Amino acid sequence: MREQILYYAVKYKGEWKAMEKALHKKESWHKIPYEGKYVTIEDSTYPKRFYRLQNPPWILFYEGDISLCDRSSIGVVGSRKCTSYGLAMCEHLVFQCRQQAVIVSGLAKGIDACAHQAALAFHTIGIIGCGLDIAYPKSNHKLYEQMREHHLIMSEYPSGTIPFAYHFPWRNRLIAAASDALVVVEAAKRSGSMLTVNEALCLDIPVYCFPHVFGTACGEGCNLLISQGANILMDDQDIRNIFINDLTN
């Protein structure tokens, strides 16, 4: 089954629905060579967190330490076009969480990159929407290299798969599932961060937000979530409460 899933993943470039159809129809397959590490839904080392998803990934390609998925974790998401306030709050959050949790994010520009960079001295997981051989965006190439060696990068997509736009909303369900709690640092009302929040809520994962100044467009998503019942991060005690209330491992 492991080799079969790999074959379909490579043939269909990691597309979940195409792989589901191939598995259901028991489509013909054969063993293929593949350079790189991967784990399938049938393997004992498959991260158990992803089983709770309605559509868990059939396969995860990875570089680094897959056991980090078993650690207590905090997902950190936010705007690609972030402000100095957002960057400062992100760095402060990661510093406060440094001993208690692995930082999970999506290796995008802005808040994602800031979260990973701040966590390099500790532990961080990046979940991407393309093949592991493609650094996207290119500005994060050095960050990719550091994380490949000492942390963990994962993707549903085999090597050579380019970053199609629709991969990223689909990828967001993995960021949510890999997290014990999700922190939204900075987000507009309509953004990928809000999609990740929706995935977290479906999984009963608690959501925390930094408040933003009235009228600040890049923070309207955070303020909206707070008004709808998300946990507000007002001070360091609120950050510590994440560990007290939500980190289970």
Foldseek 3Di string as FASTA:
>chain_A
DVQLLVFQQQVVQLDQVSSVVCVVVVPDGDGDDAPADKDAPPDPLPQPLQVLDPRRRRMKTKFADSCLLVAAAEEEDADLPDDPQLLVVLLVLCVLCQPHHEYEYALAHDSRLSNLVSNLVGEYEHEYQFALVDRPPPVCVVVSVSCNYHYMYMYSGHPPGDRDPVSLLVSLLVSLSSHLAYEYRWAALDDSVVSSVVSNVVVVRAYEYEADDPPDRRHPNRVVVVVVPGHYDDDSVSSVVCSVPTGDD
